[in-house]
Protein backbone atom coordinates (compact mmCIF):
# COMPACT_ATOMS: atom_id res chain seq x y z
CA MET A 1 -45.24 59.78 -93.28
CA LEU A 2 -41.96 59.68 -95.20
CA ILE A 3 -38.81 60.84 -93.45
CA LYS A 4 -36.62 63.13 -95.53
CA LYS A 5 -33.14 61.94 -96.41
CA ASP A 6 -31.64 64.89 -94.50
CA LYS A 7 -33.32 63.66 -91.33
CA ILE A 8 -32.18 60.09 -91.87
CA TYR A 9 -28.54 61.19 -92.14
CA GLN A 10 -28.90 63.43 -89.10
CA TYR A 11 -30.43 60.61 -87.06
CA ILE A 12 -27.60 58.27 -88.02
CA PHE A 13 -25.04 60.86 -86.96
CA LEU A 14 -26.79 61.44 -83.63
CA LEU A 15 -26.96 57.67 -83.13
CA THR A 16 -23.17 57.46 -83.41
CA LEU A 17 -22.92 60.09 -80.66
CA THR A 18 -25.39 58.16 -78.50
CA LEU A 19 -23.40 54.94 -78.85
CA MET A 20 -20.23 56.77 -77.91
CA VAL A 21 -21.88 58.11 -74.75
CA ILE A 22 -23.20 54.78 -73.52
CA PHE A 23 -19.89 53.01 -74.21
CA ASN A 24 -17.94 54.96 -71.56
CA GLY A 25 -17.61 58.04 -73.74
CA GLY A 26 -15.87 56.01 -76.45
CA ASN A 27 -12.85 55.55 -74.16
CA ASN A 28 -12.05 52.05 -75.31
CA ASN A 29 -9.67 50.94 -78.04
CA LEU A 30 -12.09 48.37 -79.41
CA TYR A 31 -14.89 50.93 -79.58
CA ILE A 32 -12.58 53.53 -81.19
CA GLN A 33 -11.88 51.05 -83.98
CA PHE A 34 -15.56 50.18 -84.32
CA ASN A 35 -16.56 53.86 -84.37
CA PHE A 36 -13.94 54.70 -87.00
CA ILE A 37 -15.30 51.98 -89.29
CA ILE A 38 -18.92 53.11 -88.82
CA VAL A 39 -18.16 56.82 -89.34
CA SER A 40 -15.94 56.09 -92.36
CA ILE A 41 -18.64 54.03 -94.05
CA PHE A 42 -21.20 56.70 -93.22
CA PHE A 43 -18.94 59.38 -94.67
CA LEU A 44 -18.42 57.43 -97.93
CA LEU A 45 -22.18 56.97 -98.33
CA PHE A 46 -22.73 60.56 -97.31
CA VAL A 47 -20.48 62.10 -100.00
CA LYS A 48 -22.22 60.12 -102.74
CA GLU A 49 -25.05 62.62 -102.44
CA LYS A 50 -24.33 65.62 -104.68
CA LYS A 51 -25.81 68.04 -102.16
CA TYR A 52 -23.54 66.94 -99.33
CA LEU A 53 -20.54 66.55 -101.59
CA ALA A 54 -20.96 70.23 -102.48
CA HIS A 55 -20.94 71.10 -98.75
CA VAL A 56 -17.78 69.06 -98.22
CA ARG A 57 -16.03 70.73 -101.14
CA GLU A 58 -16.99 74.15 -99.82
CA LEU A 59 -15.63 73.30 -96.38
CA PHE A 60 -12.35 72.08 -97.87
CA SER A 61 -12.13 75.18 -100.05
CA LYS A 62 -12.64 77.57 -97.13
CA ASN A 63 -10.28 75.72 -94.76
CA LYS A 64 -7.40 74.71 -97.03
CA ILE A 65 -4.61 75.74 -94.68
CA ALA A 66 -6.21 74.19 -91.58
CA ILE A 67 -6.88 70.90 -93.41
CA PHE A 68 -3.36 70.86 -94.87
CA LEU A 69 -1.87 71.31 -91.38
CA PHE A 70 -4.16 68.60 -90.01
CA THR A 71 -2.99 66.27 -92.81
CA LEU A 72 0.60 66.95 -91.78
CA PHE A 73 -0.39 66.19 -88.17
CA ILE A 74 -1.92 62.84 -89.20
CA SER A 75 1.22 62.07 -91.21
CA PHE A 76 3.28 62.88 -88.12
CA LEU A 77 1.20 60.43 -86.03
CA ILE A 78 1.76 57.73 -88.66
CA PHE A 79 5.49 58.44 -88.54
CA GLN A 80 5.43 57.92 -84.75
CA ILE A 81 3.88 54.47 -85.23
CA ILE A 82 5.83 52.94 -88.13
CA PRO A 83 8.88 50.82 -87.20
CA LEU A 84 12.20 52.55 -87.88
CA PRO A 85 15.70 51.08 -88.11
CA MET A 86 17.44 51.32 -84.75
CA GLU A 87 20.03 53.69 -86.24
CA TRP A 88 17.24 56.08 -87.24
CA LEU A 89 15.55 55.67 -83.89
CA SER A 90 18.74 56.72 -82.09
CA PHE A 91 18.53 60.00 -84.03
CA PHE A 92 14.79 60.74 -83.81
CA SER A 93 14.25 59.46 -80.26
CA PRO A 94 17.49 58.94 -78.31
CA GLU A 95 15.57 58.37 -75.06
CA LYS A 96 13.47 55.57 -76.59
CA TYR A 97 16.69 54.07 -78.00
CA ASN A 98 18.28 54.12 -74.52
CA ILE A 99 15.21 52.52 -72.97
CA LEU A 100 15.31 49.68 -75.49
CA ASN A 101 19.01 49.15 -74.81
CA LYS A 102 18.36 48.91 -71.07
CA LEU A 103 15.65 46.35 -71.77
CA GLU A 104 18.11 44.47 -74.01
CA PHE A 105 15.82 44.75 -77.01
CA LYS A 106 17.20 42.60 -79.84
CA GLU A 107 14.99 43.54 -82.81
CA ASN A 108 16.29 45.75 -85.61
CA PHE A 109 13.20 47.94 -85.93
CA HIS A 110 11.02 49.85 -83.50
CA SER A 111 8.68 52.85 -83.52
CA ILE A 112 9.12 56.25 -81.88
CA SER A 113 5.94 55.67 -79.89
CA LEU A 114 6.29 53.93 -76.54
CA SER A 115 2.95 52.23 -77.19
CA PRO A 116 2.41 51.74 -80.94
CA ALA A 117 -0.94 50.00 -80.36
CA ASN A 118 -2.39 52.88 -78.29
CA SER A 119 -0.93 55.41 -80.74
CA TYR A 120 -2.63 53.58 -83.59
CA PHE A 121 -6.02 53.82 -81.88
CA ASN A 122 -5.35 57.49 -81.11
CA LEU A 123 -4.72 58.02 -84.82
CA LEU A 124 -8.06 56.38 -85.64
CA ASN A 125 -9.76 58.59 -83.05
CA TYR A 126 -8.39 61.81 -84.56
CA LEU A 127 -9.44 60.70 -88.04
CA THR A 128 -12.92 59.97 -86.68
CA LEU A 129 -13.05 63.44 -85.11
CA PHE A 130 -12.16 65.02 -88.44
CA LEU A 131 -14.72 63.02 -90.40
CA SER A 132 -17.39 63.68 -87.77
CA LEU A 133 -16.74 67.42 -87.95
CA ILE A 134 -17.05 67.41 -91.75
CA ILE A 135 -20.29 65.43 -91.55
CA PHE A 136 -21.68 67.70 -88.83
CA LYS A 137 -20.92 70.93 -90.71
CA SER A 138 -22.50 69.48 -93.86
CA LEU A 139 -25.64 68.20 -92.13
CA PHE A 140 -26.34 70.82 -89.46
CA TYR A 141 -26.01 74.04 -91.44
CA LYS A 142 -29.37 75.74 -90.81
CA LYS A 143 -30.70 77.52 -87.75
CA ARG A 144 -33.23 74.83 -86.93
CA HIS A 145 -30.54 72.16 -87.32
CA ILE A 146 -28.41 73.79 -84.64
CA ILE A 147 -31.41 74.12 -82.32
CA GLU A 148 -32.21 70.42 -82.82
CA PHE A 149 -28.58 69.51 -82.11
CA TYR A 150 -28.60 71.48 -78.85
CA TYR A 151 -31.87 69.80 -77.91
CA PHE A 152 -30.37 66.37 -78.57
CA LEU A 153 -27.31 67.08 -76.42
CA VAL A 154 -29.31 68.31 -73.44
CA PHE A 155 -31.60 65.27 -73.82
CA ILE A 156 -28.76 62.73 -73.94
CA GLY A 157 -27.16 64.49 -70.97
CA ALA A 158 -30.41 64.23 -69.01
CA PHE A 159 -30.80 60.57 -69.96
CA SER A 160 -27.24 59.72 -68.85
CA GLY A 161 -27.74 61.77 -65.71
CA SER A 162 -31.02 60.02 -64.90
CA VAL A 163 -29.36 56.61 -65.13
CA ALA A 164 -26.59 57.80 -62.80
CA ILE A 165 -29.07 59.35 -60.35
CA TYR A 166 -31.18 56.17 -60.22
CA PHE A 167 -28.29 53.87 -59.31
CA TYR A 168 -26.94 56.41 -56.83
CA LEU A 169 -30.29 56.62 -55.04
CA ILE A 170 -30.82 52.86 -54.81
CA GLY A 171 -27.38 52.61 -53.26
CA SER A 172 -25.85 50.16 -55.73
CA SER A 173 -24.46 50.40 -59.20
CA PRO A 174 -23.96 47.39 -61.48
CA ASN A 175 -20.70 46.83 -63.26
CA PHE A 176 -21.68 45.01 -66.39
CA PHE A 177 -22.03 45.71 -70.09
CA LEU A 178 -22.79 49.45 -70.49
CA LEU A 179 -23.10 50.50 -66.86
CA ARG A 180 -20.02 51.30 -64.81
CA ASN A 181 -19.43 51.05 -61.09
CA SER A 182 -16.93 53.57 -59.73
CA GLY A 183 -16.96 51.77 -56.39
CA GLN A 184 -16.87 55.10 -54.51
CA GLY A 185 -20.55 55.93 -53.90
CA LEU A 186 -20.56 58.39 -56.80
CA ALA A 187 -22.90 58.96 -59.73
CA THR A 188 -21.04 58.07 -62.92
CA GLY A 189 -23.69 56.34 -65.07
CA PHE A 190 -22.21 54.99 -68.29
CA PHE A 191 -18.78 56.44 -67.42
CA ILE A 192 -16.03 55.12 -65.15
CA ASN A 193 -14.47 58.41 -64.08
CA ARG A 194 -16.61 60.96 -62.23
CA THR A 195 -14.75 64.04 -63.50
CA VAL A 196 -15.02 62.90 -67.12
CA PHE A 197 -18.74 62.30 -66.57
CA SER A 198 -19.20 65.72 -64.97
CA CYS A 199 -17.34 67.44 -67.85
CA PHE A 200 -19.57 65.66 -70.35
CA LEU A 201 -22.68 66.71 -68.41
CA THR A 202 -21.39 70.29 -68.20
CA LEU A 203 -21.15 70.44 -72.00
CA CYS A 204 -24.70 69.06 -72.25
CA PHE A 205 -25.86 71.67 -69.72
CA PHE A 206 -24.09 74.33 -71.79
CA SER A 207 -26.03 73.14 -74.86
CA GLY A 208 -29.33 73.39 -73.01
CA ILE A 209 -28.50 76.94 -71.94
CA GLU A 210 -27.66 77.86 -75.55
CA TYR A 211 -30.95 76.35 -76.69
CA LEU A 212 -32.95 78.54 -74.29
CA LYS A 213 -30.95 81.63 -75.23
CA ILE A 214 -31.49 81.40 -78.99
CA ILE A 215 -34.82 79.59 -79.45
CA ASP A 216 -36.88 82.79 -79.17
CA TYR A 217 -34.69 84.53 -81.75
CA TYR A 218 -34.79 81.68 -84.24
CA GLN A 219 -38.34 80.38 -84.05
CA LYS A 220 -41.72 81.90 -83.36
CA ASN A 221 -43.62 80.95 -80.23
CA ASN A 222 -45.96 78.02 -80.79
CA ILE A 223 -47.22 75.02 -78.85
CA ASN A 224 -44.29 72.79 -79.83
CA ASN A 225 -41.66 75.37 -78.87
CA PHE A 226 -43.48 76.14 -75.63
CA PHE A 227 -43.38 72.49 -74.52
CA ASN A 228 -39.85 71.98 -75.83
CA LYS A 229 -38.63 74.81 -73.61
CA ILE A 230 -40.35 73.18 -70.63
CA TYR A 231 -38.70 69.85 -71.47
CA VAL A 232 -35.28 71.49 -71.76
CA ARG A 233 -35.71 73.09 -68.33
CA ILE A 234 -36.55 69.66 -66.88
CA PHE A 235 -33.51 68.17 -68.61
CA LEU A 236 -31.32 70.92 -67.13
CA LEU A 237 -32.57 70.10 -63.62
CA LEU A 238 -31.76 66.41 -64.11
CA ILE A 239 -28.28 67.29 -65.37
CA THR A 240 -27.84 69.62 -62.38
CA ILE A 241 -28.61 66.80 -59.93
CA ALA A 242 -26.30 64.39 -61.76
CA ILE A 243 -23.38 66.86 -61.75
CA ILE A 244 -23.84 67.43 -58.03
CA LEU A 245 -23.89 63.68 -57.35
CA THR A 246 -20.58 63.13 -59.16
CA PHE A 247 -18.94 65.13 -56.34
CA SER A 248 -16.35 66.24 -58.87
CA ARG A 249 -14.72 69.49 -57.75
CA LEU A 250 -13.80 70.50 -61.29
CA GLY A 251 -17.19 69.56 -62.76
CA ASN A 252 -19.19 71.39 -60.09
CA PHE A 253 -16.93 74.44 -60.30
CA LEU A 254 -17.31 74.70 -64.09
CA PHE A 255 -21.06 74.06 -63.85
CA ILE A 256 -21.72 76.86 -61.35
CA SER A 257 -19.32 79.18 -63.23
CA ILE A 258 -21.33 78.79 -66.45
CA ILE A 259 -24.54 79.69 -64.62
CA PHE A 260 -23.13 82.82 -62.97
CA LEU A 261 -21.49 84.06 -66.18
CA ASN A 262 -24.77 83.66 -68.07
CA ILE A 263 -26.64 85.45 -65.29
CA LEU A 264 -24.20 88.37 -65.46
CA GLN A 265 -24.55 88.62 -69.24
CA THR A 266 -28.36 88.50 -69.05
CA LEU A 267 -28.46 91.21 -66.38
CA TYR A 268 -26.08 93.35 -68.43
CA LYS A 269 -28.16 93.11 -71.64
CA ASN A 270 -31.49 93.39 -69.81
CA GLU A 271 -33.58 92.23 -72.78
CA LYS A 272 -37.26 91.31 -72.38
CA LYS A 273 -36.87 88.01 -74.24
CA ASN A 274 -34.21 86.90 -71.77
CA ARG A 275 -36.27 87.40 -68.62
CA PHE A 276 -37.61 83.85 -68.55
CA PHE A 277 -34.10 82.60 -69.28
CA LEU A 278 -32.80 84.58 -66.30
CA ILE A 279 -35.55 83.17 -64.09
CA THR A 280 -34.58 79.65 -65.20
CA LEU A 281 -30.94 80.21 -64.22
CA ILE A 282 -31.90 81.62 -60.83
CA LEU A 283 -34.22 78.67 -60.17
CA ILE A 284 -31.43 76.24 -61.06
CA VAL A 285 -29.12 77.99 -58.59
CA LEU A 286 -31.80 77.84 -55.88
CA PHE A 287 -32.45 74.19 -56.70
CA ASP A 288 -28.73 73.53 -56.48
CA VAL A 289 -28.49 75.30 -53.12
CA LEU A 290 -31.43 73.32 -51.73
CA ILE A 291 -29.95 69.97 -52.76
CA LEU A 292 -26.47 70.72 -51.50
CA GLY A 293 -27.56 72.64 -48.43
CA PHE A 294 -30.29 70.37 -47.12
CA TYR A 295 -29.41 66.95 -48.49
CA PHE A 296 -25.62 66.94 -48.31
CA GLY A 297 -24.92 69.67 -45.77
CA SER A 298 -24.21 73.38 -45.94
CA GLU A 299 -20.45 72.88 -46.08
CA LYS A 300 -20.87 71.47 -49.62
CA LEU A 301 -22.12 74.85 -50.85
CA LEU A 302 -18.71 76.47 -50.62
CA TYR A 303 -16.71 73.29 -51.21
CA ARG A 304 -16.80 73.72 -54.99
CA PHE A 305 -15.37 77.24 -54.70
CA ALA A 306 -12.40 75.76 -52.86
CA PHE A 307 -11.65 74.00 -56.15
CA LEU A 308 -8.64 76.15 -57.07
CA GLN A 309 -7.13 76.00 -53.60
CA ASN A 310 -7.55 72.23 -53.39
CA GLU A 311 -6.24 71.64 -56.89
CA ILE A 312 -3.21 73.88 -56.38
CA ILE A 313 -2.36 71.96 -53.20
CA GLU A 314 -2.72 68.66 -55.05
CA TYR A 315 -0.59 69.90 -57.92
CA LEU A 316 2.28 70.81 -55.61
CA PRO A 317 4.97 68.11 -55.44
CA SER A 318 4.55 65.92 -52.37
CA ALA A 319 7.12 65.68 -49.63
CA VAL A 320 6.46 61.95 -49.27
CA ASP A 321 9.12 59.47 -50.29
CA THR A 322 8.12 57.99 -53.64
CA ASP A 323 9.31 54.60 -52.40
CA GLN A 324 6.06 54.54 -50.41
CA PHE A 325 4.16 54.85 -53.70
CA VAL A 326 2.36 58.07 -52.75
CA LEU A 327 2.55 60.53 -55.62
CA SER A 328 0.61 63.78 -55.83
CA ARG A 329 -0.63 65.15 -59.13
CA GLY A 330 2.18 67.68 -58.88
CA ASP A 331 4.73 64.85 -58.79
CA ILE A 332 3.18 63.25 -61.85
CA ILE A 333 3.12 66.55 -63.78
CA LYS A 334 6.69 67.31 -62.77
CA PHE A 335 7.70 63.86 -64.00
CA ALA A 336 5.83 64.44 -67.29
CA LEU A 337 7.58 67.78 -67.84
CA VAL A 338 11.00 66.22 -67.22
CA GLU A 339 10.24 63.42 -69.67
CA PHE A 340 8.96 65.91 -72.26
CA LYS A 341 12.49 67.29 -72.42
CA ASN A 342 13.72 63.78 -73.26
CA PHE A 343 11.16 63.42 -76.07
CA PHE A 344 11.22 67.09 -77.04
CA PHE A 345 10.72 67.09 -80.81
CA TRP A 346 8.98 63.82 -81.69
CA GLY A 347 7.13 62.95 -78.46
CA TYR A 348 6.45 59.50 -77.01
CA GLY A 349 3.20 58.81 -78.91
CA GLY A 350 -0.46 58.85 -78.01
CA GLY A 351 -1.24 56.65 -75.02
CA GLY A 352 2.46 56.32 -74.23
CA PHE A 353 2.51 58.07 -70.85
CA GLU A 354 1.24 55.03 -68.93
CA TYR A 355 4.16 52.95 -70.22
CA LEU A 356 6.63 55.76 -69.61
CA PHE A 357 5.39 55.97 -66.02
CA LYS A 358 5.69 52.22 -65.46
CA ILE A 359 9.22 52.13 -66.88
CA ASN A 360 10.44 54.85 -64.53
CA PHE A 361 8.56 53.67 -61.41
CA GLU A 362 9.24 49.95 -61.33
CA ASN A 363 8.11 49.31 -57.75
CA LEU A 364 4.57 50.59 -58.03
CA SER A 365 2.89 47.18 -57.70
CA THR A 366 -0.70 47.73 -59.00
CA THR A 367 -0.61 51.54 -58.70
CA TYR A 368 0.06 53.50 -61.87
CA ALA A 369 -0.92 56.73 -63.66
CA PRO A 370 -2.46 56.24 -67.12
CA HIS A 371 -2.75 60.03 -67.54
CA VAL A 372 -0.85 63.13 -66.43
CA HIS A 373 -4.00 64.79 -64.96
CA SER A 374 -3.14 67.82 -67.06
CA ASP A 375 -4.20 67.49 -70.69
CA ILE A 376 -1.94 70.23 -71.98
CA ILE A 377 1.18 68.60 -70.49
CA GLU A 378 0.18 65.16 -71.75
CA PHE A 379 -0.61 66.39 -75.28
CA ILE A 380 2.75 68.16 -75.51
CA GLY A 381 4.52 65.01 -74.32
CA GLU A 382 2.62 62.72 -76.70
CA PHE A 383 3.05 64.85 -79.80
CA GLY A 384 6.34 66.55 -79.02
CA LEU A 385 7.04 70.08 -80.17
CA ILE A 386 6.51 69.24 -83.86
CA GLY A 387 3.19 67.41 -83.55
CA PHE A 388 1.76 69.81 -80.97
CA THR A 389 2.65 72.81 -83.16
CA LEU A 390 0.93 71.22 -86.17
CA ILE A 391 -2.35 70.48 -84.41
CA LEU A 392 -2.33 73.85 -82.64
CA LEU A 393 -1.82 75.75 -85.90
CA SER A 394 -4.50 73.66 -87.59
CA LEU A 395 -7.00 74.58 -84.87
CA LEU A 396 -6.01 78.26 -84.96
CA PHE A 397 -6.31 78.53 -88.76
CA SER A 398 -9.71 76.83 -88.65
CA ARG A 399 -10.92 79.58 -86.31
CA ILE A 400 -9.52 82.58 -88.21
CA ASN A 401 -12.14 85.27 -88.82
CA LYS A 402 -14.58 83.58 -86.44
CA ASN A 403 -16.56 85.57 -83.90
CA PHE A 404 -15.09 84.97 -80.43
CA SER A 405 -16.76 87.99 -78.88
CA ILE A 406 -20.03 86.14 -78.19
CA LEU A 407 -20.42 84.53 -74.78
CA LYS A 408 -20.82 81.03 -76.24
CA ASN A 409 -17.26 80.89 -77.56
CA PHE A 410 -15.86 82.61 -74.49
CA LEU A 411 -17.47 80.00 -72.23
CA LEU A 412 -16.18 77.13 -74.34
CA LEU A 413 -12.65 78.53 -74.19
CA TYR A 414 -13.11 79.01 -70.44
CA LEU A 415 -14.09 75.35 -70.02
CA LEU A 416 -11.29 74.26 -72.34
CA LEU A 417 -8.65 76.16 -70.38
CA PHE A 418 -9.59 74.68 -67.00
CA ILE A 419 -9.86 71.13 -68.30
CA LEU A 420 -6.54 71.40 -70.17
CA ILE A 421 -4.76 72.52 -67.01
CA PHE A 422 -6.47 70.50 -64.28
CA ASP A 423 -7.75 67.24 -65.80
CA PHE A 424 -7.39 64.60 -68.53
CA SER A 425 -11.01 64.66 -69.80
CA LEU A 426 -9.91 66.01 -73.19
CA HIS A 427 -8.28 62.64 -73.82
CA ILE A 428 -11.75 61.07 -73.82
CA PRO A 429 -13.30 60.83 -77.33
CA ILE A 430 -16.81 62.08 -76.47
CA VAL A 431 -15.46 65.18 -74.68
CA GLN A 432 -13.09 65.88 -77.57
CA LEU A 433 -15.86 65.51 -80.11
CA LEU A 434 -18.39 67.69 -78.27
CA PHE A 435 -15.84 70.47 -77.86
CA VAL A 436 -14.95 70.35 -81.56
CA LEU A 437 -18.59 70.35 -82.67
CA LEU A 438 -19.77 73.05 -80.27
CA ILE A 439 -16.94 75.46 -81.00
CA SER A 440 -17.46 74.96 -84.75
CA ILE A 441 -20.94 76.50 -84.46
CA ASP A 442 -20.80 80.20 -85.35
CA TYR A 443 -23.41 82.90 -85.07
CA LYS A 444 -23.60 86.06 -87.12
CA LYS A 445 -25.99 88.99 -86.93
CA THR A 446 -28.54 89.39 -89.71
CA GLU A 447 -31.22 91.88 -90.57
CA ASN A 448 -34.08 89.46 -89.95
CA SER A 449 -32.93 88.02 -86.64
CA LYS A 450 -30.41 88.64 -83.98
CA TYR A 451 -28.48 85.47 -84.84
CA SER A 452 -27.93 83.25 -87.81
CA VAL A 453 -25.72 80.24 -88.35
CA ASN A 454 -22.44 80.89 -90.10
CA ASN A 455 -21.09 77.66 -91.59
């Protein structure tokens, strides 16, 4: 049986996502470079096909302003990286100039970025995101393509979750090659950080929910669809267990929020086709309650709903002397906001916060903060007012005239808001990419079906 060329390209694209997942979500400079090379080569081969080249041209034609603004954003990132004469640097980044003077820097040129190497890899990552989005919109443009993509995401989430569950249950987790050991008795699988892992799983769970919601509208009931829906329900249960075992407050809070919001929407619409979907959600909640209530203790049931209270407490500045090296997340965010004022227009470059933190807290020994623990604050600091405005406008123009009234887009914005405020997961390539791809999927009503894909 010959495989169609469309399928081959789709499988290659999904393989790049799989590799990103198993390599710590792509959160590695070496892998970012490797992924950029692979995706770039794939894109060049991809556009040689007249059919796909036509898709790409259409996408560029319909999103001229957004792509132009993104090009300006990429140019801005390049400007942050290139070495500038010290006289220019004193104008564009006086704070960086003062830091270099304190360090008695003798060279005649230096970049605006505090970490040119990390900023370079960030630049490659954003280019990869852009190319991946173009490829995705050109390959997955039919209803069945979107259904298959959702199915893939819930499958890869279940696979990652199963690996994490297995090593959690046997009581030991290796720390070699692809597998990561958090060292804290948590389920993290291929990831190092539990909250990043839980956010990734939440997006996979979201995809499984979308699959069950739309499959009956898109495809007729047959044996294959019947078993696929059973498989997806099994995948959702595995993801549920894995999210619970991460013990991430943010991840568990977002996970249970998605379920309850979908239950409310299903009850409100009260459609016959959604009854089995509603039963699935209720069973997942009961399953969740049984695991938390009987295996981990009843106090865990309400622990996730204390998320906001706990996070607000953690985000308040600590009263502890910083000489004792105890900094709350509030202290780190306050520090980031103060430093943003010093790098107001041009920022300190992608990946520069870790170095900024080390420069200002010299007596931290081995303790340091590579991230702000608030994506929105870190993005503003990295890009400055100019860069942040460019990428924000690019995103907004790309979403003009899109349907945000459907629950799918509302839930994605809901997840985005909480992660931007309370975590750094949106600095991880796989989380960035999944958000971009999922929010790019649009539905529109048609005469023949309730939903259709709007490219």
